[in-house]
Amino acid sequence: MAENCEKILIVEDEEAISDVIALNLKSEGYSIGKAMDGKRGYEMAVSGEYDLVLLDLMLPEMDGFEVCRKVRAESRVPIIVVSAREDEADKVEALESGADDYITKPFGMRE
């Protein structure tokens, strides 16, 4: 994880996935915030209280690409996209939208 990272925002609409990620990160000592849709994820990401954002792409209200662009216009908070979308075009678009990295689901927690 990022240096000096203490509080992580998980923007994920599938509660089971969000819960597993949160549980594992909490066991490593991180504080967690969660948003279940893109609009709320954007609002929380730009609040200034998170050190890292884990962002899904397929979200209700506002997709992850738009969330990423809007957050990047206001904040330098690191964004890691965590998505089931494997196409190279999606990865490139996410990175061009301002994401710092891209992890494809499913993934191992050590990854």
Protein backbone atom coordinates (compact mmCIF):
# COMPACT_ATOMS: atom_id res chain seq x y z
CA MET A 1 0.00 0.00 0.00
CA ALA A 2 0.96 3.63 -0.28
CA GLU A 3 3.44 5.06 2.21
CA ASN A 4 1.73 6.71 5.22
CA CYS A 5 -1.58 5.14 4.20
CA GLU A 6 -3.96 4.78 7.11
CA LYS A 7 -7.48 5.26 5.78
CA ILE A 8 -8.74 3.52 2.64
CA LEU A 9 -11.98 4.18 0.78
CA ILE A 10 -13.55 1.18 -0.98
CA VAL A 11 -15.95 2.19 -3.76
CA GLU A 12 -17.68 -1.09 -4.66
CA ASP A 13 -21.36 -1.86 -5.28
CA GLU A 14 -21.11 -5.59 -4.52
CA GLU A 15 -21.35 -5.75 -0.76
CA ALA A 16 -19.79 -9.22 -0.46
CA ILE A 17 -16.67 -8.07 -2.32
CA SER A 18 -16.49 -4.83 -0.36
CA ASP A 19 -16.82 -6.72 2.93
CA VAL A 20 -14.03 -9.19 2.10
CA ILE A 21 -11.64 -6.42 1.05
CA ALA A 22 -12.53 -4.36 4.14
CA LEU A 23 -12.08 -7.31 6.50
CA ASN A 24 -8.64 -8.10 5.10
CA LEU A 25 -7.50 -4.48 5.17
CA LYS A 26 -8.80 -3.98 8.72
CA SER A 27 -6.82 -7.04 9.82
CA GLU A 28 -3.72 -5.23 8.52
CA GLY A 29 -4.53 -2.16 10.63
CA TYR A 30 -6.18 0.12 8.06
CA SER A 31 -9.28 2.21 8.71
CA ILE A 32 -11.94 1.71 6.06
CA GLY A 33 -14.67 3.80 4.49
CA LYS A 34 -17.16 2.34 2.02
CA ALA A 35 -19.33 3.71 -0.76
CA MET A 36 -21.82 1.58 -2.70
CA ASP A 37 -22.24 3.87 -5.73
CA GLY A 38 -20.12 6.20 -7.83
CA LYS A 39 -21.73 9.44 -6.72
CA ARG A 40 -21.16 8.75 -3.02
CA GLY A 41 -17.70 7.38 -3.78
CA TYR A 42 -16.76 10.63 -5.53
CA GLU A 43 -18.07 12.73 -2.62
CA MET A 44 -16.12 10.67 -0.08
CA ALA A 45 -12.94 10.52 -2.20
CA VAL A 46 -12.66 14.31 -2.47
CA SER A 47 -13.43 14.86 1.23
CA GLY A 48 -9.71 14.78 2.06
CA GLU A 49 -10.05 12.15 4.75
CA TYR A 50 -8.77 9.14 2.74
CA ASP A 51 -5.20 8.19 1.87
CA LEU A 52 -6.14 5.73 -0.90
CA VAL A 53 -9.20 4.89 -3.01
CA LEU A 54 -9.97 1.38 -4.27
CA LEU A 55 -12.42 1.99 -7.13
CA ASP A 56 -14.62 -0.41 -9.08
CA LEU A 57 -15.57 0.63 -12.62
CA MET A 58 -19.07 -0.80 -12.91
CA LEU A 59 -21.01 1.30 -10.41
CA PRO A 60 -24.53 2.70 -10.20
CA GLU A 61 -25.13 6.48 -10.29
CA MET A 62 -21.72 7.29 -11.85
CA ASP A 63 -19.32 4.80 -13.41
CA GLY A 64 -15.77 4.41 -12.15
CA PHE A 65 -14.21 6.17 -15.14
CA GLU A 66 -16.23 9.32 -14.41
CA VAL A 67 -15.53 9.05 -10.68
CA CYS A 68 -11.82 8.81 -11.44
CA ARG A 69 -11.85 11.85 -13.77
CA LYS A 70 -13.84 13.98 -11.32
CA VAL A 71 -11.73 12.99 -8.31
CA ARG A 72 -8.51 13.65 -10.24
CA ALA A 73 -9.76 17.14 -11.17
CA GLU A 74 -9.97 17.98 -7.45
CA SER A 75 -7.55 15.70 -5.62
CA ARG A 76 -4.24 13.83 -5.85
CA VAL A 77 -5.46 10.97 -3.62
CA PRO A 78 -4.04 7.71 -5.07
CA ILE A 79 -6.65 5.65 -6.93
CA ILE A 80 -6.34 1.94 -7.62
CA VAL A 81 -9.01 0.56 -9.93
CA VAL A 82 -10.21 -2.91 -8.88
CA SER A 83 -12.39 -4.27 -11.66
CA ALA A 84 -13.55 -7.46 -13.37
CA ARG A 85 -13.09 -5.68 -16.71
CA GLU A 86 -10.00 -7.23 -18.26
CA ASP A 87 -9.83 -5.52 -21.67
CA GLU A 88 -6.71 -3.53 -22.38
CA ALA A 89 -8.88 -0.62 -23.55
CA ASP A 90 -10.57 -0.45 -20.11
CA LYS A 91 -7.19 -0.47 -18.34
CA VAL A 92 -5.86 2.27 -20.61
CA GLU A 93 -9.01 4.38 -20.17
CA ALA A 94 -8.84 4.02 -16.39
CA LEU A 95 -5.19 5.07 -16.31
CA GLU A 96 -5.86 7.97 -18.69
CA SER A 97 -8.77 9.00 -16.44
CA GLY A 98 -6.30 9.42 -13.58
CA ALA A 99 -6.01 6.02 -11.89
CA ASP A 100 -2.60 5.18 -10.47
CA ASP A 101 -2.90 1.42 -10.94
CA TYR A 102 -5.33 -1.29 -12.09
CA ILE A 103 -5.99 -4.68 -10.50
CA THR A 104 -8.22 -7.24 -12.21
CA LYS A 105 -10.77 -9.24 -10.20
CA PRO A 106 -10.56 -11.87 -8.97
CA PHE A 107 -7.31 -11.31 -7.15
CA GLY A 108 -5.50 -12.77 -4.17
CA MET A 109 -5.42 -10.61 -1.05
CA ARG A 110 -1.61 -10.63 -1.02
CA GLU A 111 -1.75 -9.06 -4.50
